[in-house]
C-alpha atoms as a PDB file:
ATOM      1  CA  MET A   1    -116.367  94.816   3.740  1.00  0.00           C
ATOM      2  CA  ARG A   2    -114.613  96.782   6.456  1.00  0.00           C
ATOM      3  CA  ILE A   3    -113.248  94.769   9.388  1.00  0.00           C
ATOM      4  CA  LEU A   4    -111.948  96.192  12.670  1.00  0.00           C
ATOM      5  CA  PHE A   5    -110.021  93.975  15.100  1.00  0.00           C
ATOM      6  CA  PHE A   6    -108.759  94.849  18.585  1.00  0.00           C
ATOM      7  CA  GLY A   7    -105.974  92.890  20.308  1.00  0.00           C
ATOM      8  CA  ASP A   8    -106.069  91.523  23.857  1.00  0.00           C
ATOM      9  CA  VAL A   9    -107.926  93.858  26.201  1.00  0.00           C
ATOM     10  CA  VAL A  10    -106.091  93.937  29.547  1.00  0.00           C
ATOM     11  CA  GLY A  11    -108.039  94.981  32.621  1.00  0.00           C
ATOM     12  CA  ARG A  12    -110.015  98.141  33.267  1.00  0.00           C
ATOM     13  CA  SER A  13    -107.521 100.383  31.468  1.00  0.00           C
ATOM     14  CA  GLY A  14    -107.927  98.387  28.266  1.00  0.00           C
ATOM     15  CA  ARG A  15    -111.701  98.165  28.546  1.00  0.00           C
ATOM     16  CA  GLU A  16    -112.109 101.884  29.146  1.00  0.00           C
ATOM     17  CA  ALA A  17    -109.824 102.745  26.244  1.00  0.00           C
ATOM     18  CA  VAL A  18    -111.726 100.535  23.793  1.00  0.00           C
ATOM     19  CA  LEU A  19    -115.132 101.764  24.939  1.00  0.00           C
ATOM     20  CA  ALA A  20    -114.016 105.409  24.891  1.00  0.00           C
ATOM     21  CA  HIS A  21    -112.711 105.229  21.307  1.00  0.00           C
ATOM     22  CA  MET A  22    -115.471 103.079  19.825  1.00  0.00           C
ATOM     23  CA  PRO A  23    -117.828 105.974  18.914  1.00  0.00           C
ATOM     24  CA  MET A  24    -115.092 107.764  16.967  1.00  0.00           C
ATOM     25  CA  LEU A  25    -113.923 104.572  15.261  1.00  0.00           C
ATOM     26  CA  ARG A  26    -117.455 103.626  14.260  1.00  0.00           C
ATOM     27  CA  GLU A  27    -117.982 107.071  12.746  1.00  0.00           C
ATOM     28  CA  LYS A  28    -114.612 107.266  10.990  1.00  0.00           C
ATOM     29  CA  LEU A  29    -114.184 103.670   9.779  1.00  0.00           C
ATOM     30  CA  ASP A  30    -117.819 102.488   9.708  1.00  0.00           C
ATOM     31  CA  PRO A  31    -116.846  98.822  10.194  1.00  0.00           C
ATOM     32  CA  ASP A  32    -119.126  96.029   9.008  1.00  0.00           C
ATOM     33  CA  LEU A  33    -117.533  93.647  11.513  1.00  0.00           C
ATOM     34  CA  THR A  34    -115.775  94.456  14.805  1.00  0.00           C
ATOM     35  CA  VAL A  35    -114.035  91.784  16.889  1.00  0.00           C
ATOM     36  CA  VAL A  36    -112.101  92.081  20.142  1.00  0.00           C
ATOM     37  CA  ASN A  37    -109.966  89.570  22.015  1.00  0.00           C
ATOM     38  CA  GLY A  38    -111.290  89.796  25.569  1.00  0.00           C
ATOM     39  CA  GLU A  39    -109.436  87.045  27.370  1.00  0.00           C
ATOM     40  CA  ASN A  40    -107.604  89.401  29.760  1.00  0.00           C
ATOM     41  CA  SER A  41    -110.390  91.937  30.185  1.00  0.00           C
ATOM     42  CA  ALA A  42    -111.591  90.800  33.641  1.00  0.00           C
ATOM     43  CA  GLY A  43    -108.787  91.943  35.935  1.00  0.00           C
ATOM     44  CA  GLY A  44    -106.233  90.484  33.517  1.00  0.00           C
ATOM     45  CA  TYR A  45    -107.656  86.979  33.702  1.00  0.00           C
ATOM     46  CA  GLY A  46    -110.494  85.867  31.441  1.00  0.00           C
ATOM     47  CA  VAL A  47    -113.784  87.581  30.660  1.00  0.00           C
ATOM     48  CA  THR A  48    -117.238  87.696  32.200  1.00  0.00           C
ATOM     49  CA  VAL A  49    -120.554  87.763  30.383  1.00  0.00           C
ATOM     50  CA  LYS A  50    -121.174  91.223  31.873  1.00  0.00           C
ATOM     51  CA  ILE A  51    -117.951  92.603  30.379  1.00  0.00           C
ATOM     52  CA  ALA A  52    -118.697  90.943  27.036  1.00  0.00           C
ATOM     53  CA  GLU A  53    -122.135  92.547  27.010  1.00  0.00           C
ATOM     54  CA  GLU A  54    -120.520  95.970  27.569  1.00  0.00           C
ATOM     55  CA  PHE A  55    -118.470  95.366  24.430  1.00  0.00           C
ATOM     56  CA  PHE A  56    -121.570  94.282  22.494  1.00  0.00           C
ATOM     57  CA  GLU A  57    -123.483  97.370  23.593  1.00  0.00           C
ATOM     58  CA  ALA A  58    -120.597  99.512  22.289  1.00  0.00           C
ATOM     59  CA  GLY A  59    -120.954  97.980  18.822  1.00  0.00           C
ATOM     60  CA  ILE A  60    -118.502  95.079  18.979  1.00  0.00           C
ATOM     61  CA  ASP A  61    -119.848  91.956  17.285  1.00  0.00           C
ATOM     62  CA  VAL A  62    -117.698  89.123  18.670  1.00  0.00           C
ATOM     63  CA  VAL A  63    -115.427  88.545  21.689  1.00  0.00           C
ATOM     64  CA  THR A  64    -112.681  85.957  21.187  1.00  0.00           C
ATOM     65  CA  LEU A  65    -110.662  84.292  23.929  1.00  0.00           C
ATOM     66  CA  GLY A  66    -107.490  82.187  24.422  1.00  0.00           C
ATOM     67  CA  ASN A  67    -105.518  80.400  27.117  1.00  0.00           C
ATOM     68  CA  HIS A  68    -107.255  82.352  29.922  1.00  0.00           C
ATOM     69  CA  THR A  69    -110.731  81.288  28.741  1.00  0.00           C
ATOM     70  CA  TRP A  70    -111.704  79.570  31.978  1.00  0.00           C
ATOM     71  CA  ASP A  71    -109.998  81.884  34.506  1.00  0.00           C
ATOM     72  CA  GLN A  72    -113.408  83.361  35.326  1.00  0.00           C
ATOM     73  CA  LYS A  73    -115.121  80.182  36.497  1.00  0.00           C
ATOM     74  CA  GLU A  74    -118.585  81.591  35.824  1.00  0.00           C
ATOM     75  CA  LEU A  75    -117.893  81.278  32.099  1.00  0.00           C
ATOM     76  CA  VAL A  76    -117.983  77.475  32.284  1.00  0.00           C
ATOM     77  CA  SER A  77    -121.718  77.647  32.942  1.00  0.00           C
ATOM     78  CA  THR A  78    -122.553  80.900  31.131  1.00  0.00           C
ATOM     79  CA  ILE A  79    -120.650  80.725  27.825  1.00  0.00           C
ATOM     80  CA  GLU A  80    -123.432  78.648  26.232  1.00  0.00           C
ATOM     81  CA  GLN A  81    -125.825  81.554  26.788  1.00  0.00           C
ATOM     82  CA  GLN A  82    -123.829  83.921  24.588  1.00  0.00           C
ATOM     83  CA  PRO A  83    -122.872  82.562  21.150  1.00  0.00           C
ATOM     84  CA  ARG A  84    -120.846  85.682  20.344  1.00  0.00           C
ATOM     85  CA  ILE A  85    -118.252  84.773  22.997  1.00  0.00           C
ATOM     86  CA  VAL A  86    -115.950  82.416  21.094  1.00  0.00           C
ATOM     87  CA  ARG A  87    -113.382  80.177  22.809  1.00  0.00           C
ATOM     88  CA  PRO A  88    -110.593  78.289  20.970  1.00  0.00           C
ATOM     89  CA  VAL A  89    -111.874  75.853  18.353  1.00  0.00           C
ATOM     90  CA  ASN A  90    -109.281  73.199  19.231  1.00  0.00           C
ATOM     91  CA  TYR A  91    -110.390  72.549  22.782  1.00  0.00           C
ATOM     92  CA  PRO A  92    -111.310  68.861  23.212  1.00  0.00           C
ATOM     93  CA  GLU A  93    -114.722  67.667  22.122  1.00  0.00           C
ATOM     94  CA  GLY A  94    -117.347  68.279  24.814  1.00  0.00           C
ATOM     95  CA  THR A  95    -115.796  71.506  26.102  1.00  0.00           C
ATOM     96  CA  PRO A  96    -118.491  74.137  26.758  1.00  0.00           C
ATOM     97  CA  GLY A  97    -118.974  76.897  24.225  1.00  0.00           C
ATOM     98  CA  ARG A  98    -118.029  77.081  20.558  1.00  0.00           C
ATOM     99  CA  GLY A  99    -114.838  77.708  18.619  1.00  0.00           C
ATOM    100  CA  TYR A 100    -116.401  79.766  15.864  1.00  0.00           C
ATOM    101  CA  VAL A 101    -119.526  81.761  15.132  1.00  0.00           C
ATOM    102  CA  LEU A 102    -121.429  82.522  11.938  1.00  0.00           C
ATOM    103  CA  LEU A 103    -123.206  85.847  12.014  1.00  0.00           C
ATOM    104  CA  GLN A 104    -124.950  88.176   9.626  1.00  0.00           C
ATOM    105  CA  ALA A 105    -123.333  91.502   8.812  1.00  0.00           C
ATOM    106  CA  ARG A 106    -124.949  94.486   7.173  1.00  0.00           C
ATOM    107  CA  GLY A 107    -126.623  93.753   3.849  1.00  0.00           C
ATOM    108  CA  GLY A 108    -127.278  90.159   4.826  1.00  0.00           C
ATOM    109  CA  ARG A 109    -123.661  89.138   4.315  1.00  0.00           C
ATOM    110  CA  LYS A 110    -122.396  86.056   6.149  1.00  0.00           C
ATOM    111  CA  VAL A 111    -119.317  86.362   8.331  1.00  0.00           C
ATOM    112  CA  LEU A 112    -117.316  83.610  10.044  1.00  0.00           C
ATOM    113  CA  VAL A 113    -115.171  84.329  13.125  1.00  0.00           C
ATOM    114  CA  VAL A 114    -112.826  81.592  14.378  1.00  0.00           C
ATOM    115  CA  ASN A 115    -110.659  81.497  17.515  1.00  0.00           C
ATOM    116  CA  VAL A 116    -107.760  79.027  17.700  1.00  0.00           C
ATOM    117  CA  LEU A 117    -105.121  78.349  20.353  1.00  0.00           C
ATOM    118  CA  LEU A 118    -101.635  77.580  19.013  1.00  0.00           C
ATOM    119  CA  ARG A 119     -99.239  75.148  20.671  1.00  0.00           C
ATOM    120  CA  LEU A 120     -95.568  76.267  20.649  1.00  0.00           C
ATOM    121  CA  PHE A 121     -94.612  77.362  24.194  1.00  0.00           C
ATOM    122  CA  MET A 122     -98.291  77.041  25.161  1.00  0.00           C
ATOM    123  CA  GLU A 123    -100.339  74.408  26.970  1.00  0.00           C
ATOM    124  CA  PRO A 124    -100.928  71.162  25.010  1.00  0.00           C
ATOM    125  CA  MET A 125    -104.003  71.384  22.790  1.00  0.00           C
ATOM    126  CA  ASP A 126    -105.614  69.527  19.912  1.00  0.00           C
ATOM    127  CA  ASP A 127    -104.020  70.201  16.514  1.00  0.00           C
ATOM    128  CA  PRO A 128    -104.817  73.849  15.625  1.00  0.00           C
ATOM    129  CA  PHE A 129    -104.216  73.350  11.903  1.00  0.00           C
ATOM    130  CA  ALA A 130    -106.580  70.397  11.630  1.00  0.00           C
ATOM    131  CA  ALA A 131    -109.243  72.209  13.638  1.00  0.00           C
ATOM    132  CA  VAL A 132    -109.068  75.355  11.493  1.00  0.00           C
ATOM    133  CA  ASP A 133    -108.985  73.295   8.303  1.00  0.00           C
ATOM    134  CA  ARG A 134    -112.233  71.536   9.218  1.00  0.00           C
ATOM    135  CA  VAL A 135    -114.009  74.850   9.804  1.00  0.00           C
ATOM    136  CA  LEU A 136    -112.697  76.444   6.600  1.00  0.00           C
ATOM    137  CA  LYS A 137    -113.708  73.432   4.518  1.00  0.00           C
ATOM    138  CA  ALA A 138    -117.224  73.584   5.963  1.00  0.00           C
ATOM    139  CA  HIS A 139    -117.557  77.355   5.443  1.00  0.00           C
ATOM    140  CA  ARG A 140    -115.737  78.347   2.277  1.00  0.00           C
ATOM    141  CA  LEU A 141    -114.905  81.965   1.557  1.00  0.00           C
ATOM    142  CA  GLY A 142    -116.304  83.506  -1.608  1.00  0.00           C
ATOM    143  CA  PRO A 143    -119.300  83.139  -3.928  1.00  0.00           C
ATOM    144  CA  GLY A 144    -121.770  80.599  -2.604  1.00  0.00           C
ATOM    145  CA  GLY A 145    -120.070  80.563   0.791  1.00  0.00           C
ATOM    146  CA  VAL A 146    -119.343  83.158   3.460  1.00  0.00           C
ATOM    147  CA  ASP A 147    -118.505  86.764   2.624  1.00  0.00           C
ATOM    148  CA  ALA A 148    -115.699  87.203   5.164  1.00  0.00           C
ATOM    149  CA  VAL A 149    -113.604  84.982   7.447  1.00  0.00           C
ATOM    150  CA  LEU A 150    -111.645  86.272  10.447  1.00  0.00           C
ATOM    151  CA  ILE A 151    -109.288  83.987  12.382  1.00  0.00           C
ATOM    152  CA  ASP A 152    -107.869  85.055  15.756  1.00  0.00           C
ATOM    153  CA  MET A 153    -104.826  82.841  16.362  1.00  0.00           C
ATOM    154  CA  HIS A 154    -103.840  83.024  20.011  1.00  0.00           C
ATOM    155  CA  GLY A 155    -100.235  81.966  20.394  1.00  0.00           C
ATOM    156  CA  GLU A 156     -96.691  82.681  21.542  1.00  0.00           C
ATOM    157  CA  ALA A 157     -94.409  81.877  18.595  1.00  0.00           C
ATOM    158  CA  THR A 158     -94.371  84.171  15.569  1.00  0.00           C
ATOM    159  CA  SER A 159     -93.131  81.266  13.433  1.00  0.00           C
ATOM    160  CA  GLU A 160     -96.227  79.202  14.215  1.00  0.00           C
ATOM    161  CA  LYS A 161     -98.445  82.220  13.603  1.00  0.00           C
ATOM    162  CA  MET A 162     -96.838  82.843  10.214  1.00  0.00           C
ATOM    163  CA  ILE A 163     -97.335  79.220   9.207  1.00  0.00           C
ATOM    164  CA  MET A 164    -101.011  79.487  10.197  1.00  0.00           C
ATOM    165  CA  GLY A 165    -101.273  82.581   8.028  1.00  0.00           C
ATOM    166  CA  HIS A 166     -99.847  80.791   5.001  1.00  0.00           C
ATOM    167  CA  PHE A 167    -101.965  77.715   5.763  1.00  0.00           C
ATOM    168  CA  CYS A 168    -105.099  79.877   5.558  1.00  0.00           C
ATOM    169  CA  ASP A 169    -103.950  82.129   2.705  1.00  0.00           C
ATOM    170  CA  GLY A 170    -106.704  82.448   0.128  1.00  0.00           C
ATOM    171  CA  ARG A 171    -109.258  80.910   2.488  1.00  0.00           C
ATOM    172  CA  ALA A 172    -109.645  83.741   5.014  1.00  0.00           C
ATOM    173  CA  SER A 173    -110.067  87.500   4.888  1.00  0.00           C
ATOM    174  CA  LEU A 174    -107.912  88.129   7.976  1.00  0.00           C
ATOM    175  CA  VAL A 175    -105.605  85.949  10.071  1.00  0.00           C
ATOM    176  CA  VAL A 176    -104.372  87.935  13.056  1.00  0.00           C
ATOM    177  CA  GLY A 177    -102.393  86.990  16.143  1.00  0.00           C
ATOM    178  CA  THR A 178    -103.041  87.721  19.788  1.00  0.00           C
ATOM    179  CA  HIS A 179    -101.432  86.761  23.145  1.00  0.00           C
ATOM    180  CA  SER A 180     -97.982  88.421  23.037  1.00  0.00           C
ATOM    181  CA  HIS A 181     -99.531  91.861  23.841  1.00  0.00           C
ATOM    182  CA  VAL A 182     -97.019  93.618  21.553  1.00  0.00           C
ATOM    183  CA  PRO A 183     -98.038  94.938  18.111  1.00  0.00           C
ATOM    184  CA  THR A 184     -95.888  93.599  15.284  1.00  0.00           C
ATOM    185  CA  ALA A 185     -94.953  95.600  12.187  1.00  0.00           C
ATOM    186  CA  ASP A 186     -95.571  92.788   9.676  1.00  0.00           C
ATOM    187  CA  HIS A 187     -99.132  93.640   8.615  1.00  0.00           C
ATOM    188  CA  MET A 188     -99.490  92.611   4.966  1.00  0.00           C
ATOM    189  CA  VAL A 189    -101.722  90.958   2.406  1.00  0.00           C
ATOM    190  CA  LEU A 190    -100.368  87.472   1.696  1.00  0.00           C
ATOM    191  CA  PRO A 191     -99.902  86.264  -1.903  1.00  0.00           C
ATOM    192  CA  LYS A 192    -103.333  84.629  -2.194  1.00  0.00           C
ATOM    193  CA  GLY A 193    -105.221  87.554  -0.646  1.00  0.00           C
ATOM    194  CA  THR A 194    -105.418  86.991   3.118  1.00  0.00           C
ATOM    195  CA  ALA A 195    -104.621  89.950   5.391  1.00  0.00           C
ATOM    196  CA  TYR A 196    -102.113  88.973   8.081  1.00  0.00           C
ATOM    197  CA  GLN A 197    -100.461  90.366  11.219  1.00  0.00           C
ATOM    198  CA  SER A 198     -98.456  88.262  13.677  1.00  0.00           C
ATOM    199  CA  ASP A 199     -99.851  90.153  16.673  1.00  0.00           C
ATOM    200  CA  ALA A 200    -102.322  93.013  16.880  1.00  0.00           C
ATOM    201  CA  GLY A 201    -100.944  94.138  20.242  1.00  0.00           C
ATOM    202  CA  MET A 202    -102.875  94.707  23.447  1.00  0.00           C
ATOM    203  CA  CYS A 203    -105.407  97.296  24.488  1.00  0.00           C
ATOM    204  CA  GLY A 204    -104.109  98.467  27.837  1.00  0.00           C
ATOM    205  CA  ASP A 205    -101.455 100.459  29.704  1.00  0.00           C
ATOM    206  CA  TYR A 206     -98.059 100.043  27.999  1.00  0.00           C
ATOM    207  CA  ASP A 207     -96.209 101.503  31.015  1.00  0.00           C
ATOM    208  CA  SER A 208     -96.240  97.956  32.315  1.00  0.00           C
ATOM    209  CA  ALA A 209     -95.103  94.390  31.765  1.00  0.00           C
ATOM    210  CA  ILE A 210     -97.387  93.412  28.860  1.00  0.00           C
ATOM    211  CA  GLY A 211    -100.272  95.124  30.619  1.00  0.00           C
ATOM    212  CA  MET A 212     -99.486  94.076  34.189  1.00  0.00           C
ATOM    213  CA  LYS A 213     -98.001  96.274  36.924  1.00  0.00           C
ATOM    214  CA  LYS A 214     -94.272  96.460  36.286  1.00  0.00           C
ATOM    215  CA  GLU A 215     -93.230  96.710  39.963  1.00  0.00           C
ATOM    216  CA  VAL A 216     -94.542  93.240  40.772  1.00  0.00           C
ATOM    217  CA  ALA A 217     -92.973  91.738  37.648  1.00  0.00           C
ATOM    218  CA  LEU A 218     -89.628  93.407  38.450  1.00  0.00           C
ATOM    219  CA  ALA A 219     -89.546  91.992  41.980  1.00  0.00           C
ATOM    220  CA  LYS A 220     -90.387  88.549  40.687  1.00  0.00           C
ATOM    221  CA  MET A 221     -87.908  88.433  37.801  1.00  0.00           C
ATOM    222  CA  VAL A 222     -84.970  90.482  39.097  1.00  0.00           C
ATOM    223  CA  ARG A 223     -84.862  89.590  42.795  1.00  0.00           C
ATOM    224  CA  LYS A 224     -86.723  86.266  42.662  1.00  0.00           C
ATOM    225  CA  LEU A 225     -88.939  87.375  45.538  1.00  0.00           C
ATOM    226  CA  PRO A 226     -92.343  85.878  46.263  1.00  0.00           C
ATOM    227  CA  THR A 227     -94.894  88.389  45.050  1.00  0.00           C
ATOM    228  CA  GLU A 228     -98.568  89.051  44.895  1.00  0.00           C
ATOM    229  CA  ARG A 229    -100.459  87.892  41.846  1.00  0.00           C
ATOM    230  CA  LEU A 230     -99.830  90.033  38.780  1.00  0.00           C
ATOM    231  CA  SER A 231    -102.575  92.601  38.253  1.00  0.00           C
ATOM    232  CA  PRO A 232    -103.282  95.018  35.393  1.00  0.00           C
ATOM    233  CA  ALA A 233    -101.545  98.393  35.198  1.00  0.00           C
ATOM    234  CA  GLU A 234    -103.985 101.257  35.608  1.00  0.00           C
ATOM    235  CA  GLY A 235    -102.559 104.107  33.509  1.00  0.00           C
ATOM    236  CA  GLU A 236    -103.931 105.440  30.250  1.00  0.00           C
ATOM    237  CA  GLY A 237    -104.578 102.650  27.798  1.00  0.00           C
ATOM    238  CA  THR A 238    -103.529 102.375  24.176  1.00  0.00           C
ATOM    239  CA  VAL A 239    -106.000 100.754  21.775  1.00  0.00           C
ATOM    240  CA  CYS A 240    -104.127  98.448  19.396  1.00  0.00           C
ATOM    241  CA  GLY A 241    -105.531  96.478  16.505  1.00  0.00           C
ATOM    242  CA  CYS A 242    -105.858  96.439  12.746  1.00  0.00           C
ATOM    243  CA  TYR A 243    -108.267  97.545  10.048  1.00  0.00           C
ATOM    244  CA  VAL A 244    -108.970  95.501   6.912  1.00  0.00           C
ATOM    245  CA  GLU A 245    -110.919  96.151   3.736  1.00  0.00           C
ATOM    246  CA  THR A 246    -112.022  93.259   1.551  1.00  0.00           C
ATOM    247  CA  ASP A 247    -113.204  92.722  -2.018  1.00  0.00           C
ATOM    248  CA  ASP A 248    -116.951  92.014  -1.871  1.00  0.00           C
ATOM    249  CA  ARG A 249    -116.672  89.651  -4.843  1.00  0.00           C
ATOM    250  CA  THR A 250    -114.125  87.300  -3.286  1.00  0.00           C
ATOM    251  CA  GLY A 251    -114.023  88.088   0.428  1.00  0.00           C
ATOM    252  CA  LEU A 252    -110.250  88.460   0.189  1.00  0.00           C
ATOM    253  CA  ALA A 253    -108.356  91.459   1.557  1.00  0.00           C
ATOM    254  CA  VAL A 254    -107.340  94.456  -0.487  1.00  0.00           C
ATOM    255  CA  ARG A 255    -105.549  96.218   2.399  1.00  0.00           C
ATOM    256  CA  ILE A 256    -104.637  95.969   6.071  1.00  0.00           C
ATOM    257  CA  GLU A 257    -103.526  98.849   8.283  1.00  0.00           C
ATOM    258  CA  PRO A 258    -102.425  98.922  11.937  1.00  0.00           C
ATOM    259  CA  LEU A 259    -104.377 100.859  14.548  1.00  0.00           C
ATOM    260  CA  ARG A 260    -102.847 102.494  17.641  1.00  0.00           C
ATOM    261  CA  ILE A 261    -104.707 105.214  19.565  1.00  0.00           C
ATOM    262  CA  GLY A 262    -104.032 106.821  22.943  1.00  0.00           C
ATOM    263  CA  GLY A 263    -101.500 106.065  25.619  1.00  0.00           C
ATOM    264  CA  ARG A 264     -97.756 105.770  25.088  1.00  0.00           C
ATOM    265  CA  LEU A 265     -97.219 104.201  21.645  1.00  0.00           C
ATOM    266  CA  SER A 266     -96.795 106.031  18.350  1.00  0.00           C
ATOM    267  CA  GLN A 267    -100.226 106.814  16.979  1.00  0.00           C
ATOM    268  CA  THR A 268    -101.706 105.554  13.724  1.00  0.00           C
ATOM    269  CA  LEU A 269    -105.322 105.751  12.613  1.00  0.00           C
ATOM    270  CA  PRO A 270    -106.310 104.230   9.260  1.00  0.00           C
ATOM    271  CA  GLU A 271    -108.285 106.113   6.647  1.00  0.00           C
ATOM    272  CA  ARG A 272    -111.351 104.466   5.149  1.00  0.00           C
ATOM    273  CA  THR A 273    -111.141 104.115   1.363  1.00  0.00           C
ATOM    274  CA  GLN A 274    -114.271 102.054   0.610  1.00  0.00           C
END
């Protein structure tokens, strides 16, 4: 299978960049599964069903979230209507929505997408490792189980992300980080066959403070002045993410490559080999 993942989409700049490049990426990479983290896509804070539906219409299969899940209050009452919007799996029992989704890819293959919120330097949450373990035990990767497993781990600390990667090694096709909005250079296939990257980076304007207007952040951090609420930068967006190919027999990864298109960062576009 071919899997395409986009990091955190920040504001209009990030949305427009993803939507503008999707036709080319679909033609060039022909992904069987495309997932985007959309938790900053609505003005930098959360996602709306309308924005999620724009992603779905462009060919994206699943929208994952994170610590800004409930910033758009409408989602509390609307998330149940759209099973392909996935909030963190380790929210307390009874929280609206779902922490993972099973869907059918091309050829009738079963795919599992999980979203989990990590805890170091983040708000207190239920144990992310126990929550992920329960899902992976119920939906095993490989013959007789699901054909691919993607885990979006939304967290601050690279150490915690790396431990989650090793914890899931051999049980997932891809474990990829979001939240820091900076692409890391540690994309690799772990020893037991799981593709891993600590952070896929953001989709948004990098002439900014992790996607937000730098002038406001400068005034707040340097001069300690009261400022307006941070809002997304509006320059040309860079699309950041990763591309993974798996072995159809096992569901494990055979390669992972970074993706960076447009905007200010160095450019890299994977080549399809399958």
